[in-house]
Amino acid sequence: MVTVLREAGFRFAIYLSDHLPEHVHVYGDGEAKIEFGGDGPVKVVSSYGMKAGDVRRAVRIVEAHRETIARHWRDMHG
């Protein structure tokens, strides 16, 4: 797992052996998995133990840093 971003108390990570669709794992008080690949909207796949407001905040951060996170994904997975 590689941490690609830290912001607002969250750690955004991508697993080296992960799978499509492109997504990032978010850790804070709980965790969430957020898809960001393609041209579609950023989408929450799952969340465990994370407050709804924190999930929304994490989605906004992924939206704001989508290109950077996608670059990290492509660098790791081709």
PDB file of N, CA and C in Angstrom:
ATOM      1  N   MET A   1       0.850  -1.168   0.000  1.00  0.00           N
ATOM      2  CA  MET A   1       0.000   0.000   0.000  1.00  0.00           C
ATOM      3  C   MET A   1       0.897   1.233   0.000  1.00  0.00           C
ATOM      4  N   VAL A   2       0.572   2.168  -0.878  1.00  0.00           N
ATOM      5  CA  VAL A   2       1.338   3.403  -0.998  1.00  0.00           C
ATOM      6  C   VAL A   2       0.427   4.577  -0.660  1.00  0.00           C
ATOM      7  N   THR A   3       0.849   5.389   0.280  1.00  0.00           N
ATOM      8  CA  THR A   3       0.110   6.603   0.601  1.00  0.00           C
ATOM      9  C   THR A   3       0.412   7.630  -0.475  1.00  0.00           C
ATOM     10  N   VAL A   4      -0.632   8.114  -1.142  1.00  0.00           N
ATOM     11  CA  VAL A   4      -0.455   9.067  -2.241  1.00  0.00           C
ATOM     12  C   VAL A   4      -0.861  10.481  -1.864  1.00  0.00           C
ATOM     13  N   LEU A   5      -1.553  10.632  -0.729  1.00  0.00           N
ATOM     14  CA  LEU A   5      -2.001  11.958  -0.306  1.00  0.00           C
ATOM     15  C   LEU A   5      -2.382  11.905   1.167  1.00  0.00           C
ATOM     16  N   ARG A   6      -2.090  12.971   1.873  1.00  0.00           N
ATOM     17  CA  ARG A   6      -2.574  13.175   3.249  1.00  0.00           C
ATOM     18  C   ARG A   6      -3.196  14.558   3.290  1.00  0.00           C
ATOM     19  N   GLU A   7      -4.448  14.598   3.742  1.00  0.00           N
ATOM     20  CA  GLU A   7      -5.136  15.886   3.832  1.00  0.00           C
ATOM     21  C   GLU A   7      -6.301  15.766   4.799  1.00  0.00           C
ATOM     22  N   ALA A   8      -6.521  16.815   5.576  1.00  0.00           N
ATOM     23  CA  ALA A   8      -7.673  16.944   6.479  1.00  0.00           C
ATOM     24  C   ALA A   8      -7.805  15.754   7.430  1.00  0.00           C
ATOM     25  N   GLY A   9      -6.679  15.194   7.853  1.00  0.00           N
ATOM     26  CA  GLY A   9      -6.708  14.070   8.774  1.00  0.00           C
ATOM     27  C   GLY A   9      -6.941  12.724   8.111  1.00  0.00           C
ATOM     28  N   PHE A  10      -6.971  12.699   6.792  1.00  0.00           N
ATOM     29  CA  PHE A  10      -7.160  11.450   6.045  1.00  0.00           C
ATOM     30  C   PHE A  10      -5.852  11.027   5.387  1.00  0.00           C
ATOM     31  N   ARG A  11      -5.721   9.720   5.198  1.00  0.00           N
ATOM     32  CA  ARG A  11      -4.620   9.150   4.428  1.00  0.00           C
ATOM     33  C   ARG A  11      -5.238   8.445   3.237  1.00  0.00           C
ATOM     34  N   PHE A  12      -4.796   8.777   2.041  1.00  0.00           N
ATOM     35  CA  PHE A  12      -5.316   8.221   0.799  1.00  0.00           C
ATOM     36  C   PHE A  12      -4.260   7.264   0.260  1.00  0.00           C
ATOM     37  N   ALA A  13      -4.635   6.003   0.061  1.00  0.00           N
ATOM     38  CA  ALA A  13      -3.656   4.985  -0.302  1.00  0.00           C
ATOM     39  C   ALA A  13      -4.142   4.129  -1.465  1.00  0.00           C
ATOM     40  N   ILE A  14      -3.170   3.631  -2.218  1.00  0.00           N
ATOM     41  CA  ILE A  14      -3.434   2.719  -3.324  1.00  0.00           C
ATOM     42  C   ILE A  14      -2.612   1.465  -3.064  1.00  0.00           C
ATOM     43  N   TYR A  15      -3.243   0.312  -3.185  1.00  0.00           N
ATOM     44  CA  TYR A  15      -2.539  -0.961  -3.020  1.00  0.00           C
ATOM     45  C   TYR A  15      -1.802  -1.311  -4.303  1.00  0.00           C
ATOM     46  N   LEU A  16      -0.582  -1.802  -4.162  1.00  0.00           N
ATOM     47  CA  LEU A  16       0.238  -2.150  -5.322  1.00  0.00           C
ATOM     48  C   LEU A  16      -0.372  -3.275  -6.148  1.00  0.00           C
ATOM     49  N   SER A  17      -1.064  -4.198  -5.511  1.00  0.00           N
ATOM     50  CA  SER A  17      -1.640  -5.344  -6.226  1.00  0.00           C
ATOM     51  C   SER A  17      -3.147  -5.196  -6.405  1.00  0.00           C
ATOM     52  N   ASP A  18      -3.618  -3.963  -6.496  1.00  0.00           N
ATOM     53  CA  ASP A  18      -5.061  -3.725  -6.568  1.00  0.00           C
ATOM     54  C   ASP A  18      -5.607  -3.956  -7.974  1.00  0.00           C
ATOM     55  N   HIS A  19      -6.872  -3.749  -8.154  1.00  0.00           N
ATOM     56  CA  HIS A  19      -7.607  -4.107  -9.362  1.00  0.00           C
ATOM     57  C   HIS A  19      -8.396  -2.910  -9.874  1.00  0.00           C
ATOM     58  N   LEU A  20      -8.821  -3.003 -11.111  1.00  0.00           N
ATOM     59  CA  LEU A  20      -9.721  -2.005 -11.686  1.00  0.00           C
ATOM     60  C   LEU A  20     -11.107  -2.197 -11.113  1.00  0.00           C
ATOM     61  N   PRO A  21     -11.935  -1.206 -11.121  1.00  0.00           N
ATOM     62  CA  PRO A  21     -11.727   0.160 -11.597  1.00  0.00           C
ATOM     63  C   PRO A  21     -10.805   0.939 -10.659  1.00  0.00           C
ATOM     64  N   GLU A  22     -10.235   2.014 -11.188  1.00  0.00           N
ATOM     65  CA  GLU A  22      -9.329   2.844 -10.405  1.00  0.00           C
ATOM     66  C   GLU A  22     -10.045   3.353  -9.155  1.00  0.00           C
ATOM     67  N   HIS A  23      -9.389   3.175  -8.028  1.00  0.00           N
ATOM     68  CA  HIS A  23      -9.980   3.624  -6.764  1.00  0.00           C
ATOM     69  C   HIS A  23      -8.871   3.893  -5.757  1.00  0.00           C
ATOM     70  N   VAL A  24      -9.248   4.545  -4.680  1.00  0.00           N
ATOM     71  CA  VAL A  24      -8.321   4.870  -3.603  1.00  0.00           C
ATOM     72  C   VAL A  24      -8.975   4.469  -2.290  1.00  0.00           C
ATOM     73  N   HIS A  25      -8.161   4.029  -1.358  1.00  0.00           N
ATOM     74  CA  HIS A  25      -8.625   3.683  -0.015  1.00  0.00           C
ATOM     75  C   HIS A  25      -8.326   4.874   0.881  1.00  0.00           C
ATOM     76  N   VAL A  26      -9.310   5.275   1.661  1.00  0.00           N
ATOM     77  CA  VAL A  26      -9.179   6.453   2.519  1.00  0.00           C
ATOM     78  C   VAL A  26      -9.262   5.987   3.968  1.00  0.00           C
ATOM     79  N   TYR A  27      -8.290   6.409   4.767  1.00  0.00           N
ATOM     80  CA  TYR A  27      -8.242   6.030   6.174  1.00  0.00           C
ATOM     81  C   TYR A  27      -8.255   7.270   7.039  1.00  0.00           C
ATOM     82  N   GLY A  28      -9.040   7.223   8.079  1.00  0.00           N
ATOM     83  CA  GLY A  28      -9.150   8.284   9.075  1.00  0.00           C
ATOM     84  C   GLY A  28      -9.789   7.631  10.281  1.00  0.00           C
ATOM     85  N   ASP A  29     -10.896   8.155  10.748  1.00  0.00           N
ATOM     86  CA  ASP A  29     -11.703   7.460  11.753  1.00  0.00           C
ATOM     87  C   ASP A  29     -12.615   6.530  10.974  1.00  0.00           C
ATOM     88  N   GLY A  30     -12.123   5.357  10.651  1.00  0.00           N
ATOM     89  CA  GLY A  30     -12.806   4.417   9.772  1.00  0.00           C
ATOM     90  C   GLY A  30     -12.104   4.406   8.432  1.00  0.00           C
ATOM     91  N   GLU A  31     -12.759   3.831   7.452  1.00  0.00           N
ATOM     92  CA  GLU A  31     -12.166   3.785   6.116  1.00  0.00           C
ATOM     93  C   GLU A  31     -13.242   3.804   5.052  1.00  0.00           C
ATOM     94  N   ALA A  32     -12.828   4.206   3.866  1.00  0.00           N
ATOM     95  CA  ALA A  32     -13.733   4.241   2.722  1.00  0.00           C
ATOM     96  C   ALA A  32     -12.948   3.862   1.467  1.00  0.00           C
ATOM     97  N   LYS A  33     -13.672   3.383   0.489  1.00  0.00           N
ATOM     98  CA  LYS A  33     -13.089   3.068  -0.817  1.00  0.00           C
ATOM     99  C   LYS A  33     -13.834   3.928  -1.831  1.00  0.00           C
ATOM    100  N   ILE A  34     -13.068   4.719  -2.609  1.00  0.00           N
ATOM    101  CA  ILE A  34     -13.664   5.690  -3.508  1.00  0.00           C
ATOM    102  C   ILE A  34     -13.118   5.484  -4.918  1.00  0.00           C
ATOM    103  N   GLU A  35     -14.029   5.257  -5.879  1.00  0.00           N
ATOM    104  CA  GLU A  35     -13.644   5.132  -7.286  1.00  0.00           C
ATOM    105  C   GLU A  35     -13.513   6.517  -7.901  1.00  0.00           C
ATOM    106  N   PHE A  36     -12.529   6.677  -8.788  1.00  0.00           N
ATOM    107  CA  PHE A  36     -12.305   7.966  -9.428  1.00  0.00           C
ATOM    108  C   PHE A  36     -11.970   7.831 -10.902  1.00  0.00           C
ATOM    109  N   GLY A  37     -11.867   6.639 -11.432  1.00  0.00           N
ATOM    110  CA  GLY A  37     -11.400   6.425 -12.798  1.00  0.00           C
ATOM    111  C   GLY A  37     -12.402   6.860 -13.851  1.00  0.00           C
ATOM    112  N   GLY A  38     -11.891   7.035 -15.054  1.00  0.00           N
ATOM    113  CA  GLY A  38     -12.734   7.405 -16.181  1.00  0.00           C
ATOM    114  C   GLY A  38     -13.229   8.827 -16.102  1.00  0.00           C
ATOM    115  N   ASP A  39     -14.266   9.094 -16.899  1.00  0.00           N
ATOM    116  CA  ASP A  39     -14.828  10.446 -16.972  1.00  0.00           C
ATOM    117  C   ASP A  39     -16.045  10.623 -16.066  1.00  0.00           C
ATOM    118  N   GLY A  40     -16.477   9.548 -15.432  1.00  0.00           N
ATOM    119  CA  GLY A  40     -17.669   9.613 -14.602  1.00  0.00           C
ATOM    120  C   GLY A  40     -17.408  10.297 -13.275  1.00  0.00           C
ATOM    121  N   PRO A  41     -18.435  10.390 -12.477  1.00  0.00           N
ATOM    122  CA  PRO A  41     -18.294  11.042 -11.169  1.00  0.00           C
ATOM    123  C   PRO A  41     -17.487  10.183 -10.200  1.00  0.00           C
ATOM    124  N   VAL A  42     -16.872  10.832  -9.235  1.00  0.00           N
ATOM    125  CA  VAL A  42     -16.222  10.134  -8.137  1.00  0.00           C
ATOM    126  C   VAL A  42     -17.329   9.433  -7.354  1.00  0.00           C
ATOM    127  N   LYS A  43     -17.091   8.170  -6.958  1.00  0.00           N
ATOM    128  CA  LYS A  43     -18.162   7.374  -6.358  1.00  0.00           C
ATOM    129  C   LYS A  43     -17.652   6.609  -5.142  1.00  0.00           C
ATOM    130  N   VAL A  44     -18.406   6.645  -4.051  1.00  0.00           N
ATOM    131  CA  VAL A  44     -18.086   5.878  -2.858  1.00  0.00           C
ATOM    132  C   VAL A  44     -18.521   4.438  -3.095  1.00  0.00           C
ATOM    133  N   VAL A  45     -17.581   3.512  -2.965  1.00  0.00           N
ATOM    134  CA  VAL A  45     -17.871   2.093  -3.136  1.00  0.00           C
ATOM    135  C   VAL A  45     -18.266   1.490  -1.796  1.00  0.00           C
ATOM    136  N   SER A  46     -17.546   1.865  -0.737  1.00  0.00           N
ATOM    137  CA  SER A  46     -17.847   1.338   0.588  1.00  0.00           C
ATOM    138  C   SER A  46     -17.277   2.271   1.643  1.00  0.00           C
ATOM    139  N   SER A  47     -17.831   2.167   2.828  1.00  0.00           N
ATOM    140  CA  SER A  47     -17.263   2.880   3.971  1.00  0.00           C
ATOM    141  C   SER A  47     -17.590   2.094   5.233  1.00  0.00           C
ATOM    142  N   TYR A  48     -16.639   2.072   6.142  1.00  0.00           N
ATOM    143  CA  TYR A  48     -16.774   1.328   7.387  1.00  0.00           C
ATOM    144  C   TYR A  48     -16.277   2.199   8.536  1.00  0.00           C
ATOM    145  N   GLY A  49     -17.163   2.506   9.459  1.00  0.00           N
ATOM    146  CA  GLY A  49     -16.783   3.250  10.642  1.00  0.00           C
ATOM    147  C   GLY A  49     -16.475   4.717  10.416  1.00  0.00           C
ATOM    148  N   MET A  50     -16.728   5.219   9.222  1.00  0.00           N
ATOM    149  CA  MET A  50     -16.451   6.624   8.909  1.00  0.00           C
ATOM    150  C   MET A  50     -17.771   7.386   8.900  1.00  0.00           C
ATOM    151  N   LYS A  51     -17.805   8.509   9.567  1.00  0.00           N
ATOM    152  CA  LYS A  51     -19.016   9.328   9.596  1.00  0.00           C
ATOM    153  C   LYS A  51     -19.349   9.825   8.193  1.00  0.00           C
ATOM    154  N   ALA A  52     -20.631  10.006   7.930  1.00  0.00           N
ATOM    155  CA  ALA A  52     -21.093  10.436   6.607  1.00  0.00           C
ATOM    156  C   ALA A  52     -20.447  11.750   6.185  1.00  0.00           C
ATOM    157  N   GLY A  53     -20.301  12.688   7.105  1.00  0.00           N
ATOM    158  CA  GLY A  53     -19.668  13.960   6.789  1.00  0.00           C
ATOM    159  C   GLY A  53     -18.208  13.790   6.396  1.00  0.00           C
ATOM    160  N   ASP A  54     -17.518  12.850   7.047  1.00  0.00           N
ATOM    161  CA  ASP A  54     -16.128  12.576   6.692  1.00  0.00           C
ATOM    162  C   ASP A  54     -16.035  11.926   5.317  1.00  0.00           C
ATOM    163  N   VAL A  55     -16.982  11.061   4.998  1.00  0.00           N
ATOM    164  CA  VAL A  55     -16.999  10.440   3.668  1.00  0.00           C
ATOM    165  C   VAL A  55     -17.197  11.523   2.609  1.00  0.00           C
ATOM    166  N   ARG A  56     -18.125  12.430   2.832  1.00  0.00           N
ATOM    167  CA  ARG A  56     -18.347  13.522   1.872  1.00  0.00           C
ATOM    168  C   ARG A  56     -17.092  14.383   1.716  1.00  0.00           C
ATOM    169  N   ARG A  57     -16.426  14.662   2.830  1.00  0.00           N
ATOM    170  CA  ARG A  57     -15.192  15.452   2.786  1.00  0.00           C
ATOM    171  C   ARG A  57     -14.111  14.703   1.995  1.00  0.00           C
ATOM    172  N   ALA A  58     -13.995  13.403   2.207  1.00  0.00           N
ATOM    173  CA  ALA A  58     -13.015  12.600   1.476  1.00  0.00           C
ATOM    174  C   ALA A  58     -13.317  12.607  -0.022  1.00  0.00           C
ATOM    175  N   VAL A  59     -14.579  12.522  -0.391  1.00  0.00           N
ATOM    176  CA  VAL A  59     -14.966  12.571  -1.810  1.00  0.00           C
ATOM    177  C   VAL A  59     -14.552  13.904  -2.409  1.00  0.00           C
ATOM    178  N   ARG A  60     -14.799  14.998  -1.714  1.00  0.00           N
ATOM    179  CA  ARG A  60     -14.406  16.324  -2.223  1.00  0.00           C
ATOM    180  C   ARG A  60     -12.890  16.417  -2.416  1.00  0.00           C
ATOM    181  N   ILE A  61     -12.140  15.822  -1.506  1.00  0.00           N
ATOM    182  CA  ILE A  61     -10.678  15.836  -1.628  1.00  0.00           C
ATOM    183  C   ILE A  61     -10.246  15.006  -2.835  1.00  0.00           C
ATOM    184  N   VAL A  62     -10.858  13.844  -3.028  1.00  0.00           N
ATOM    185  CA  VAL A  62     -10.527  13.025  -4.204  1.00  0.00           C
ATOM    186  C   VAL A  62     -10.870  13.791  -5.474  1.00  0.00           C
ATOM    187  N   GLU A  63     -12.013  14.470  -5.502  1.00  0.00           N
ATOM    188  CA  GLU A  63     -12.378  15.273  -6.677  1.00  0.00           C
ATOM    189  C   GLU A  63     -11.331  16.353  -6.944  1.00  0.00           C
ATOM    190  N   ALA A  64     -10.868  17.005  -5.895  1.00  0.00           N
ATOM    191  CA  ALA A  64      -9.909  18.100  -6.044  1.00  0.00           C
ATOM    192  C   ALA A  64      -8.533  17.610  -6.503  1.00  0.00           C
ATOM    193  N   HIS A  65      -8.186  16.375  -6.168  1.00  0.00           N
ATOM    194  CA  HIS A  65      -6.863  15.833  -6.474  1.00  0.00           C
ATOM    195  C   HIS A  65      -6.941  14.653  -7.435  1.00  0.00           C
ATOM    196  N   ARG A  66      -8.029  14.562  -8.163  1.00  0.00           N
ATOM    197  CA  ARG A  66      -8.291  13.407  -9.022  1.00  0.00           C
ATOM    198  C   ARG A  66      -7.150  13.112  -9.994  1.00  0.00           C
ATOM    199  N   GLU A  67      -6.649  14.119 -10.666  1.00  0.00           N
ATOM    200  CA  GLU A  67      -5.579  13.903 -11.659  1.00  0.00           C
ATOM    201  C   GLU A  67      -4.301  13.388 -11.005  1.00  0.00           C
ATOM    202  N   THR A  68      -3.951  13.928  -9.858  1.00  0.00           N
ATOM    203  CA  THR A  68      -2.748  13.489  -9.156  1.00  0.00           C
ATOM    204  C   THR A  68      -2.900  12.044  -8.690  1.00  0.00           C
ATOM    205  N   ILE A  69      -4.041  11.720  -8.125  1.00  0.00           N
ATOM    206  CA  ILE A  69      -4.279  10.355  -7.656  1.00  0.00           C
ATOM    207  C   ILE A  69      -4.289   9.392  -8.839  1.00  0.00           C
ATOM    208  N   ALA A  70      -4.924   9.797  -9.939  1.00  0.00           N
ATOM    209  CA  ALA A  70      -4.962   8.955 -11.142  1.00  0.00           C
ATOM    210  C   ALA A  70      -3.556   8.729 -11.691  1.00  0.00           C
ATOM    211  N   ARG A  71      -2.716   9.743 -11.640  1.00  0.00           N
ATOM    212  CA  ARG A  71      -1.320   9.585 -12.105  1.00  0.00           C
ATOM    213  C   ARG A  71      -0.599   8.546 -11.264  1.00  0.00           C
ATOM    214  N   HIS A  72      -0.786   8.599  -9.948  1.00  0.00           N
ATOM    215  CA  HIS A  72      -0.173   7.603  -9.063  1.00  0.00           C
ATOM    216  C   HIS A  72      -0.690   6.200  -9.417  1.00  0.00           C
ATOM    217  N   TRP A  73      -2.005   6.090  -9.648  1.00  0.00           N
ATOM    218  CA  TRP A  73      -2.583   4.787  -9.996  1.00  0.00           C
ATOM    219  C   TRP A  73      -1.919   4.242 -11.268  1.00  0.00           C
ATOM    220  N   ARG A  74      -1.840   5.081 -12.295  1.00  0.00           N
ATOM    221  CA  ARG A  74      -1.253   4.645 -13.567  1.00  0.00           C
ATOM    222  C   ARG A  74       0.227   4.293 -13.408  1.00  0.00           C
ATOM    223  N   ASP A  75       0.947   5.045 -12.605  1.00  0.00           N
ATOM    224  CA  ASP A  75       2.357   4.742 -12.366  1.00  0.00           C
ATOM    225  C   ASP A  75       2.522   3.367 -11.719  1.00  0.00           C
ATOM    226  N   MET A  76       1.594   2.983 -10.866  1.00  0.00           N
ATOM    227  CA  MET A  76       1.684   1.706 -10.164  1.00  0.00           C
ATOM    228  C   MET A  76       1.112   0.536 -10.960  1.00  0.00           C
ATOM    229  N   HIS A  77       0.081   0.794 -11.770  1.00  0.00           N
ATOM    230  CA  HIS A  77      -0.653  -0.291 -12.421  1.00  0.00           C
ATOM    231  C   HIS A  77      -0.613  -0.262 -13.937  1.00  0.00           C
ATOM    232  N   GLY A  78       0.017   0.727 -14.512  1.00  0.00           N
ATOM    233  CA  GLY A  78       0.141   0.791 -15.962  1.00  0.00           C
ATOM    234  C   GLY A  78      -1.078   1.324 -16.662  1.00  0.00           C
TER     235      GLY A  78
END
